[in-house]
N, C-alpha and C. Protein backbone atom coordinates (compact mmCIF):
# COMPACT_ATOMS: atom_id res chain seq x y z
N LEU A 1 0.85 -1.36 -0.01
CA LEU A 1 0.18 0.02 0.17
C LEU A 1 0.71 1.30 0.19
N THR A 2 1.83 1.06 0.77
CA THR A 2 2.58 2.49 1.13
C THR A 2 3.35 2.39 -0.34
N VAL A 3 4.14 1.70 -1.32
CA VAL A 3 4.78 1.90 -2.18
C VAL A 3 3.58 2.22 -3.56
N GLY A 4 2.74 1.97 -3.36
CA GLY A 4 1.51 1.90 -4.42
C GLY A 4 1.05 3.36 -4.14
N ALA A 5 1.19 4.28 -3.33
CA ALA A 5 0.92 5.69 -2.77
C ALA A 5 2.00 6.50 -3.79
N PHE A 6 3.29 5.75 -4.02
CA PHE A 6 4.33 6.54 -5.01
C PHE A 6 4.37 6.22 -6.19
N HIS A 7 4.09 5.16 -6.80
CA HIS A 7 4.23 4.16 -7.90
C HIS A 7 3.03 3.77 -8.33
N HIS A 8 2.72 4.34 -9.42
CA HIS A 8 1.31 4.31 -10.02
C HIS A 8 1.05 2.81 -10.34
N ARG A 9 1.96 2.41 -11.05
CA ARG A 9 1.97 0.76 -11.66
C ARG A 9 1.91 -0.10 -10.70
N VAL A 10 2.23 0.20 -9.54
CA VAL A 10 2.22 -0.99 -8.47
C VAL A 10 0.93 -0.60 -7.79
N ALA A 11 0.23 0.44 -7.65
CA ALA A 11 -1.06 0.60 -7.30
C ALA A 11 -1.80 -0.05 -8.29
N LEU A 12 -1.71 0.02 -9.23
CA LEU A 12 -2.83 -0.48 -10.37
C LEU A 12 -2.56 -2.07 -10.56
N LEU A 13 -1.28 -2.64 -10.34
CA LEU A 13 -1.20 -3.83 -10.30
C LEU A 13 -1.93 -4.36 -8.80
N GLY A 14 -1.61 -4.01 -7.75
CA GLY A 14 -2.21 -4.18 -6.55
C GLY A 14 -3.61 -4.08 -6.47
N ALA A 15 -4.20 -3.05 -7.15
CA ALA A 15 -5.71 -2.85 -7.32
C ALA A 15 -6.40 -4.38 -7.99
N ALA A 16 -5.56 -4.43 -9.15
CA ALA A 16 -5.87 -5.55 -10.02
C ALA A 16 -6.25 -7.09 -9.33
N MET A 17 -4.89 -6.94 -8.49
CA MET A 17 -4.79 -8.59 -7.97
C MET A 17 -5.68 -8.42 -6.54
N SER A 18 -5.98 -7.39 -6.14
CA SER A 18 -7.32 -7.37 -5.13
C SER A 18 -8.63 -7.78 -5.82
N CYS A 19 -8.89 -7.14 -7.08
CA CYS A 19 -10.23 -7.56 -7.63
C CYS A 19 -10.09 -8.89 -7.87
N ALA A 20 -8.76 -9.52 -8.34
CA ALA A 20 -9.19 -10.84 -8.91
C ALA A 20 -9.18 -11.79 -7.74
N THR A 21 -8.54 -11.55 -6.67
CA THR A 21 -8.92 -12.38 -5.50
C THR A 21 -10.14 -12.32 -4.68
N TYR A 22 -11.05 -11.24 -4.74
CA TYR A 22 -12.34 -11.36 -4.22
C TYR A 22 -13.45 -11.77 -5.44
N ALA A 23 -12.82 -11.61 -6.28
CA ALA A 23 -13.95 -12.29 -7.73
C ALA A 23 -13.82 -13.56 -7.37
N ILE A 24 -12.64 -14.04 -7.05
CA ILE A 24 -12.34 -15.85 -7.37
C ILE A 24 -13.12 -16.05 -5.89
N THR A 25 -12.95 -15.32 -4.85
CA THR A 25 -13.63 -15.86 -3.39
C THR A 25 -15.24 -15.99 -3.61
N LEU A 26 -15.85 -14.88 -4.36
CA LEU A 26 -16.91 -14.84 -4.88
C LEU A 26 -17.28 -15.88 -5.22
N THR A 27 -16.64 -16.63 -6.18
CA THR A 27 -17.13 -17.98 -6.52
C THR A 27 -17.69 -19.11 -5.72
N PHE A 28 -16.98 -19.00 -4.22
CA PHE A 28 -17.18 -20.03 -3.37
C PHE A 28 -18.74 -19.86 -2.98
N PHE A 29 -19.24 -18.79 -3.31
CA PHE A 29 -20.87 -18.43 -2.75
C PHE A 29 -21.78 -19.75 -3.29
N VAL A 30 -21.05 -20.11 -4.83
CA VAL A 30 -22.16 -20.88 -5.47
C VAL A 30 -21.85 -22.32 -4.85
N THR A 31 -20.41 -22.76 -4.74
CA THR A 31 -20.14 -24.20 -4.71
C THR A 31 -20.11 -24.58 -3.07
N THR A 32 -19.73 -23.63 -2.25
CA THR A 32 -19.77 -23.73 -0.51
C THR A 32 -21.18 -24.24 -0.27
N PRO A 33 -21.10 -25.84 0.27
CA PRO A 33 -22.06 -26.02 1.19
C PRO A 33 -22.37 -25.15 2.12
N GLY A 34 -23.69 -25.12 2.59
CA GLY A 34 -24.00 -24.16 3.91
C GLY A 34 -24.17 -22.64 3.94
N VAL A 35 -24.06 -22.15 2.40
CA VAL A 35 -24.10 -21.24 2.20
C VAL A 35 -25.84 -20.46 2.39
N ALA A 36 -26.69 -21.14 1.70
CA ALA A 36 -27.93 -20.74 2.08
C ALA A 36 -28.61 -21.31 3.12
N GLU A 37 -29.69 -20.61 3.94
CA GLU A 37 -30.29 -21.32 5.35
C GLU A 37 -31.30 -21.77 4.48
N PRO A 38 -31.44 -23.36 4.92
CA PRO A 38 -32.52 -24.02 4.26
C PRO A 38 -33.82 -23.74 5.38
N THR A 39 -34.10 -23.20 6.88
CA THR A 39 -35.21 -22.99 7.32
C THR A 39 -35.54 -21.76 6.86
N ALA A 40 -35.03 -20.86 6.13
CA ALA A 40 -35.68 -19.63 5.82
C ALA A 40 -35.78 -20.03 4.08
N GLY A 41 -35.77 -20.90 3.33
CA GLY A 41 -36.54 -21.49 2.49
C GLY A 41 -35.59 -21.57 1.18
N GLY A 42 -34.23 -21.95 2.03
CA GLY A 42 -33.07 -21.92 0.90
C GLY A 42 -32.47 -20.70 0.32
N PHE A 43 -32.02 -20.78 -0.97
CA PHE A 43 -31.09 -19.48 -1.56
C PHE A 43 -32.49 -18.46 -2.30
N PRO A 44 -32.37 -17.04 -2.19
CA PRO A 44 -31.34 -16.51 -1.78
C PRO A 44 -31.18 -16.27 -0.18
N ALA A 45 -32.09 -16.61 0.61
CA ALA A 45 -31.85 -16.57 2.53
C ALA A 45 -30.30 -17.12 2.39
N ILE A 46 -29.35 -16.06 2.95
CA ILE A 46 -27.96 -16.56 3.44
C ILE A 46 -27.60 -16.73 5.02
N SER A 47 -27.01 -17.99 5.10
CA SER A 47 -26.70 -18.35 6.68
C SER A 47 -25.91 -17.38 7.27
N ALA A 48 -26.29 -17.70 8.36
CA ALA A 48 -25.10 -16.42 9.12
C ALA A 48 -23.71 -16.91 9.09
N PRO A 49 -23.08 -18.05 9.60
CA PRO A 49 -21.99 -18.53 9.59
C PRO A 49 -20.91 -18.16 8.26
N ILE A 50 -21.69 -19.03 7.38
CA ILE A 50 -20.92 -19.33 6.12
C ILE A 50 -21.40 -18.12 5.28
N GLY A 51 -22.61 -18.17 4.96
CA GLY A 51 -22.77 -16.96 3.84
C GLY A 51 -22.63 -15.62 4.20
N GLN A 52 -22.81 -15.02 5.26
CA GLN A 52 -22.11 -13.59 5.49
C GLN A 52 -21.03 -13.27 5.82
N PHE A 53 -20.10 -14.54 5.94
CA PHE A 53 -18.67 -14.37 6.06
C PHE A 53 -18.29 -14.63 4.63
N LEU A 54 -18.81 -14.92 3.46
CA LEU A 54 -18.43 -15.07 1.89
C LEU A 54 -19.10 -13.69 1.50
N LEU A 55 -20.27 -13.17 2.01
CA LEU A 55 -20.74 -11.70 1.39
C LEU A 55 -20.24 -10.76 1.43
N LYS A 56 -19.13 -10.71 2.60
CA LYS A 56 -18.30 -9.37 3.05
C LYS A 56 -17.41 -8.99 1.68
N ASP A 57 -17.18 -10.22 1.02
CA ASP A 57 -16.07 -10.17 -0.07
C ASP A 57 -16.85 -9.58 -0.99
N LEU A 58 -18.23 -9.36 -1.44
CA LEU A 58 -18.71 -8.43 -2.32
C LEU A 58 -18.61 -6.95 -1.75
N VAL A 59 -18.68 -6.80 -0.66
CA VAL A 59 -18.43 -5.08 -0.47
C VAL A 59 -16.54 -4.92 -0.69
N LEU A 60 -15.81 -5.92 -0.37
CA LEU A 60 -14.46 -5.70 -0.38
C LEU A 60 -14.07 -5.39 -1.98
N LEU A 61 -14.77 -6.18 -2.91
CA LEU A 61 -14.50 -6.52 -4.18
C LEU A 61 -14.88 -4.69 -4.76
N ALA A 62 -15.94 -4.48 -4.31
CA ALA A 62 -16.66 -3.17 -4.74
C ALA A 62 -15.59 -2.03 -4.71
N ALA A 63 -14.93 -2.22 -3.22
CA ALA A 63 -13.85 -1.34 -2.39
C ALA A 63 -12.70 -1.25 -3.54
N SER A 64 -12.54 -2.41 -3.67
CA SER A 64 -11.08 -2.70 -4.63
C SER A 64 -11.52 -2.34 -6.08
N ALA A 65 -12.40 -2.47 -6.54
CA ALA A 65 -12.89 -1.72 -7.86
C ALA A 65 -12.79 -0.52 -8.01
N SER A 66 -13.11 0.33 -7.04
CA SER A 66 -12.92 1.70 -7.04
C SER A 66 -11.64 2.12 -6.94
N LEU A 67 -10.86 1.48 -6.16
CA LEU A 67 -9.50 1.45 -6.02
C LEU A 67 -8.38 1.51 -7.34
N LEU A 68 -9.17 0.23 -8.30
CA LEU A 68 -8.73 0.11 -9.48
C LEU A 68 -9.06 1.30 -10.67
N ARG A 69 -10.33 1.72 -10.31
CA ARG A 69 -10.46 2.97 -11.13
C ARG A 69 -9.66 4.12 -10.86
N THR A 70 -9.43 4.39 -9.56
CA THR A 70 -8.21 5.53 -9.28
C THR A 70 -6.95 5.41 -9.51
N ALA A 71 -6.64 3.97 -9.62
CA ALA A 71 -5.31 3.70 -9.97
C ALA A 71 -5.19 3.82 -11.42
N LEU A 72 -6.14 3.41 -12.19
CA LEU A 72 -6.18 3.33 -13.76
C LEU A 72 -6.12 4.90 -13.90
N ALA A 73 -7.11 5.57 -13.36
CA ALA A 73 -6.80 7.34 -13.53
C ALA A 73 -5.78 8.04 -13.54
N ARG A 74 -5.19 7.56 -12.26
CA ARG A 74 -3.70 8.02 -11.76
C ARG A 74 -2.53 7.94 -12.91
N TYR A 75 -2.62 6.45 -13.48
CA TYR A 75 -1.73 5.92 -14.47
C TYR A 75 -1.92 6.91 -16.00
N GLN A 76 -3.24 6.57 -16.08
CA GLN A 76 -3.51 7.50 -17.60
C GLN A 76 -2.85 8.82 -17.46
N ALA A 77 -3.30 9.41 -16.34
CA ALA A 77 -2.88 10.99 -16.05
C ALA A 77 -1.29 11.14 -16.13
N GLU A 78 -0.73 10.14 -15.61
CA GLU A 78 0.64 10.06 -15.38
C GLU A 78 1.59 10.00 -16.55
N ARG A 79 0.82 9.27 -17.84
CA ARG A 79 1.36 8.77 -19.00
C ARG A 79 1.18 9.78 -19.80
N SER A 80 0.35 10.98 -19.60
CA SER A 80 -0.21 11.93 -20.94
C SER A 80 0.61 13.29 -20.34
């Protein structure tokens, strides 16, 4: 994070890697047993221990995408 503040390429790479990490983690939502709460009617009702733990990655993906957009804008401004 510190290096990315000074080097735009590093910030761009880090944000892209973060987006990839959370996008891959969100695929576990489909394949992990116990995500849907059967007593609430199944999917889209999310279970507390597993489903909500994975759901936090959606917020982190959005934050990573925002960082990626900012890093890309800074990188393009640097190249101009």
